[in-house]
Amino acid sequence: MNDFRSGKLKVLCNNDLISEGLDIPNCEAVIMCRPTASLVLYLQQSMRCRRYVDGKQAIIIDHVGNYVRFGLPDDDRQWSLEGRNSKGKVDVPDIHTCQYCYQVFYEWTADNRCPYCGELKPEADSRTPEGKKKIEQAKMIEIANRKIEKSDSLISIYEHFKARKTMNIGNVRRPINAAIREKGLCSSAELSEFARYLNVKKNYIFMLYKHRY
């Protein structure tokens, strides 16, 4: 630790040892390799390099997409003493990554350019594996962040929670259970349709529903 503080060591790797409470103002970069569902831990980890030093440029390299779940670490946030949101919901706007300079930001410029390097916004090509993956990920994020309405079907609500689990947004362990809990009272026909959609036995879905209600 002293060698890192003095600059003898340039990179210090750790596993949950200095995620919180590290006080080395000259630390210039944080490389995040650990996904988390905790906003507080995310802010603690990302802010290790943001202790103020005149002339320093902090760099955060997020390999695990924590910024997708919580937004950028320097965003303004509303804090409350009313308790934790048990559903783990977060309202994060779309975040973009420039494929040329790798900067992360919320909006392209008016002429569809990166606000940092000025390169044009690339169009995803569905004919390539990478482009197809980007399109699918964008759809997944959109489904995960959309607001659930009372009129939504059980299948639609399930897809929402499934996307949140896939993107590690919030604390969704069992999307099927979460969908049934969120939907509330259901008809036998809707439960049967849900079972067919999941390709599982109808009795299994009815059992989960009866356990809840």
Protein backbone atom coordinates (compact mmCIF):
# COMPACT_ATOMS: atom_id res chain seq x y z
CA MET A 1 0.00 0.00 0.00
CA ASN A 2 2.85 2.38 0.83
CA ASP A 3 4.56 1.53 -2.48
CA PHE A 4 1.33 2.39 -4.31
CA ARG A 5 0.99 5.61 -2.33
CA SER A 6 4.54 6.64 -3.19
CA GLY A 7 4.20 5.72 -6.87
CA LYS A 8 6.58 2.77 -6.83
CA LEU A 9 3.61 0.53 -7.76
CA LYS A 10 1.54 1.82 -10.68
CA VAL A 11 -1.36 -0.66 -10.43
CA LEU A 12 -2.78 -2.16 -7.23
CA CYS A 13 -5.16 -5.13 -7.63
CA ASN A 14 -7.52 -6.10 -4.82
CA ASN A 15 -10.64 -8.12 -4.07
CA ASP A 16 -12.98 -6.16 -1.75
CA LEU A 17 -10.06 -4.90 0.35
CA ILE A 18 -9.97 -1.22 -0.63
CA SER A 19 -13.39 -0.76 -2.24
CA GLU A 20 -14.31 1.69 0.53
CA GLY A 21 -12.35 4.13 2.63
CA LEU A 22 -9.18 4.29 0.52
CA ASP A 23 -7.56 7.69 0.94
CA ILE A 24 -4.83 8.10 -1.67
CA PRO A 25 -5.47 11.44 -3.40
CA ASN A 26 -2.86 10.78 -6.12
CA CYS A 27 -4.75 7.69 -7.36
CA GLU A 28 -5.68 8.65 -10.91
CA ALA A 29 -7.58 5.62 -12.26
CA VAL A 30 -10.02 2.96 -11.13
CA ILE A 31 -10.54 -0.23 -13.16
CA MET A 32 -13.82 -1.84 -12.14
CA CYS A 33 -14.03 -5.62 -12.68
CA ARG A 34 -16.68 -6.38 -10.03
CA PRO A 35 -20.39 -5.94 -10.82
CA THR A 36 -22.55 -4.81 -7.93
CA ALA A 37 -26.24 -4.24 -7.24
CA SER A 38 -25.39 -1.68 -4.52
CA LEU A 39 -25.43 1.98 -5.53
CA VAL A 40 -23.45 2.96 -2.43
CA LEU A 41 -20.71 0.42 -3.15
CA TYR A 42 -20.59 1.50 -6.80
CA LEU A 43 -20.08 5.13 -5.76
CA GLN A 44 -17.44 4.17 -3.20
CA GLN A 45 -15.49 2.10 -5.72
CA SER A 46 -15.66 4.58 -8.56
CA MET A 47 -14.78 7.57 -6.38
CA ARG A 48 -11.43 6.15 -5.23
CA CYS A 49 -9.75 8.13 -8.00
CA ARG A 50 -11.79 11.30 -7.58
CA ARG A 51 -10.10 12.79 -4.53
CA TYR A 52 -9.22 16.29 -5.64
CA VAL A 53 -5.66 17.06 -6.67
CA ASP A 54 -4.95 20.16 -8.72
CA GLY A 55 -4.44 19.24 -12.37
CA LYS A 56 -5.39 15.57 -11.98
CA GLN A 57 -7.73 13.93 -14.53
CA ALA A 58 -9.59 10.99 -12.96
CA ILE A 59 -10.23 7.97 -15.20
CA ILE A 60 -12.82 5.25 -14.48
CA ILE A 61 -12.71 2.11 -16.64
CA ASP A 62 -15.89 0.13 -15.99
CA HIS A 63 -15.58 -3.37 -17.48
CA VAL A 64 -18.78 -4.70 -15.87
CA GLY A 65 -21.41 -2.10 -16.78
CA ASN A 66 -22.13 -0.70 -13.32
CA TYR A 67 -22.75 2.68 -14.99
CA VAL A 68 -25.60 1.08 -16.98
CA ARG A 69 -27.33 0.11 -13.72
CA PHE A 70 -26.71 3.31 -11.75
CA GLY A 71 -25.76 6.09 -14.16
CA LEU A 72 -22.53 8.06 -14.04
CA PRO A 73 -20.89 8.37 -10.62
CA ASP A 74 -20.91 12.19 -10.62
CA ASP A 75 -24.66 12.46 -11.30
CA ASP A 76 -26.80 14.46 -8.89
CA ARG A 77 -28.93 12.10 -6.77
CA GLN A 78 -31.86 12.50 -4.42
CA TRP A 79 -31.24 10.78 -1.07
CA SER A 80 -33.92 9.91 1.46
CA LEU A 81 -34.24 8.62 5.03
CA GLU A 82 -37.47 6.76 4.20
CA GLY A 83 -35.77 3.41 3.74
CA ARG A 84 -34.39 1.34 0.90
CA ASN A 85 -36.45 0.67 -2.22
CA SER A 86 -37.21 -3.02 -1.76
CA LYS A 87 -37.71 -3.57 -5.47
CA GLY A 88 -34.29 -2.20 -6.31
CA LYS A 89 -35.66 0.01 -9.07
CA VAL A 90 -33.42 2.64 -10.61
CA ASP A 91 -34.30 5.18 -13.27
CA VAL A 92 -31.19 5.50 -15.41
CA PRO A 93 -31.45 7.22 -18.79
CA ASP A 94 -29.81 5.70 -21.84
CA ILE A 95 -26.02 5.85 -21.65
CA HIS A 96 -23.80 5.71 -24.72
CA THR A 97 -20.19 4.67 -25.23
CA CYS A 98 -18.12 6.08 -28.08
CA GLN A 99 -16.40 3.25 -29.94
CA TYR A 100 -13.49 5.52 -30.86
CA CYS A 101 -12.49 7.21 -27.56
CA TYR A 102 -14.52 4.94 -25.20
CA GLN A 103 -15.93 7.91 -23.30
CA VAL A 104 -19.34 7.33 -21.67
CA PHE A 105 -22.06 9.97 -21.88
CA TYR A 106 -25.83 10.49 -21.93
CA GLU A 107 -26.44 12.33 -25.21
CA TRP A 108 -24.85 12.61 -28.63
CA THR A 109 -24.47 16.12 -30.02
CA ALA A 110 -27.19 17.61 -32.22
CA ASP A 111 -25.36 16.35 -35.33
CA ASN A 112 -24.93 12.81 -33.87
CA ARG A 113 -21.30 13.13 -32.82
CA CYS A 114 -19.39 12.12 -29.70
CA PRO A 115 -19.25 15.18 -27.37
CA TYR A 116 -15.64 14.30 -26.50
CA CYS A 117 -13.82 13.29 -29.71
CA GLY A 118 -16.31 14.47 -32.33
CA GLU A 119 -16.61 11.14 -34.19
CA LEU A 120 -19.96 10.34 -35.82
CA LYS A 121 -22.40 8.05 -34.03
CA PRO A 122 -22.02 4.57 -35.59
CA GLU A 123 -25.01 2.69 -36.90
CA ALA A 124 -25.41 -0.87 -35.59
CA ASP A 125 -25.21 -3.41 -38.41
CA SER A 126 -27.56 -6.32 -37.69
CA ARG A 127 -25.67 -8.44 -40.25
CA THR A 128 -22.61 -8.67 -38.01
CA PRO A 129 -22.42 -10.52 -34.64
CA GLU A 130 -21.24 -7.34 -32.89
CA GLY A 131 -23.99 -5.20 -34.40
CA LYS A 132 -26.64 -7.80 -33.59
CA LYS A 133 -25.36 -7.94 -29.99
CA LYS A 134 -25.57 -4.13 -29.67
CA ILE A 135 -29.13 -4.09 -31.00
CA GLU A 136 -30.19 -6.88 -28.64
CA GLN A 137 -28.51 -5.19 -25.68
CA ALA A 138 -30.20 -1.88 -26.47
CA LYS A 139 -33.58 -3.63 -26.59
CA MET A 140 -32.80 -5.42 -23.33
CA ILE A 141 -31.93 -2.16 -21.58
CA GLU A 142 -35.11 -0.54 -22.92
CA ILE A 143 -37.26 -3.41 -21.63
CA ALA A 144 -35.46 -3.42 -18.26
CA ASN A 145 -35.92 0.32 -17.68
CA ARG A 146 -39.48 0.73 -18.93
CA LYS A 147 -42.21 1.51 -16.43
CA ILE A 148 -44.64 -1.30 -15.61
CA GLU A 149 -48.32 -0.45 -16.14
CA LYS A 150 -51.29 -2.15 -14.48
CA SER A 151 -52.61 -3.08 -17.91
CA ASP A 152 -49.43 -4.99 -18.84
CA SER A 153 -49.76 -8.71 -19.40
CA LEU A 154 -48.08 -11.23 -17.13
CA ILE A 155 -45.74 -12.17 -19.99
CA SER A 156 -44.75 -8.55 -20.58
CA ILE A 157 -44.00 -8.04 -16.88
CA TYR A 158 -41.95 -11.25 -16.84
CA GLU A 159 -39.86 -10.04 -19.79
CA HIS A 160 -39.22 -6.81 -17.85
CA PHE A 161 -37.89 -8.63 -14.79
CA LYS A 162 -35.98 -11.14 -16.94
CA ALA A 163 -34.21 -8.24 -18.66
CA ARG A 164 -33.39 -6.62 -15.31
CA LYS A 165 -31.85 -9.87 -14.09
CA THR A 166 -29.86 -10.29 -17.31
CA MET A 167 -28.54 -6.72 -17.08
CA ASN A 168 -28.04 -7.07 -13.30
CA ILE A 169 -30.31 -4.09 -12.62
CA GLY A 170 -31.79 -4.15 -9.15
CA ASN A 171 -32.07 -7.34 -7.14
CA VAL A 172 -34.12 -9.73 -9.30
CA ARG A 173 -33.49 -13.38 -8.44
CA ARG A 174 -36.55 -15.14 -9.89
CA PRO A 175 -38.26 -13.24 -12.73
CA ILE A 176 -41.25 -15.62 -12.76
CA ASN A 177 -42.00 -15.03 -9.08
CA ALA A 178 -41.37 -11.30 -9.45
CA ALA A 179 -43.81 -11.08 -12.37
CA ILE A 180 -46.56 -12.91 -10.50
CA ARG A 181 -46.02 -10.73 -7.45
CA GLU A 182 -46.07 -7.52 -9.52
CA LYS A 183 -49.12 -8.46 -11.61
CA GLY A 184 -51.34 -9.36 -8.69
CA LEU A 185 -54.64 -11.12 -9.29
CA CYS A 186 -54.68 -13.18 -12.51
CA SER A 187 -57.26 -15.25 -14.32
CA SER A 188 -56.79 -18.97 -14.96
CA ALA A 189 -56.54 -18.24 -18.68
CA GLU A 190 -53.70 -15.76 -18.17
CA LEU A 191 -51.79 -18.17 -15.93
CA SER A 192 -52.23 -20.95 -18.50
CA GLU A 193 -50.99 -18.68 -21.29
CA PHE A 194 -47.99 -17.73 -19.12
CA ALA A 195 -47.15 -21.42 -18.61
CA ARG A 196 -47.31 -22.08 -22.36
CA TYR A 197 -45.07 -19.09 -23.04
CA LEU A 198 -42.47 -20.39 -20.58
CA ASN A 199 -42.92 -23.97 -21.82
CA VAL A 200 -43.44 -25.24 -18.28
CA LYS A 201 -46.20 -27.28 -16.69
CA LYS A 202 -49.36 -25.36 -15.90
CA ASN A 203 -49.51 -26.83 -12.40
CA TYR A 204 -46.12 -25.26 -11.59
CA ILE A 205 -47.34 -21.74 -12.41
CA PHE A 206 -50.60 -22.29 -10.53
CA MET A 207 -48.62 -23.52 -7.52
CA LEU A 208 -46.48 -20.35 -7.51
CA TYR A 209 -49.60 -18.22 -7.85
CA LYS A 210 -51.46 -19.98 -5.02
CA HIS A 211 -48.39 -19.71 -2.79
CA ARG A 212 -48.45 -15.94 -3.33
CA TYR A 213 -52.23 -15.49 -3.03
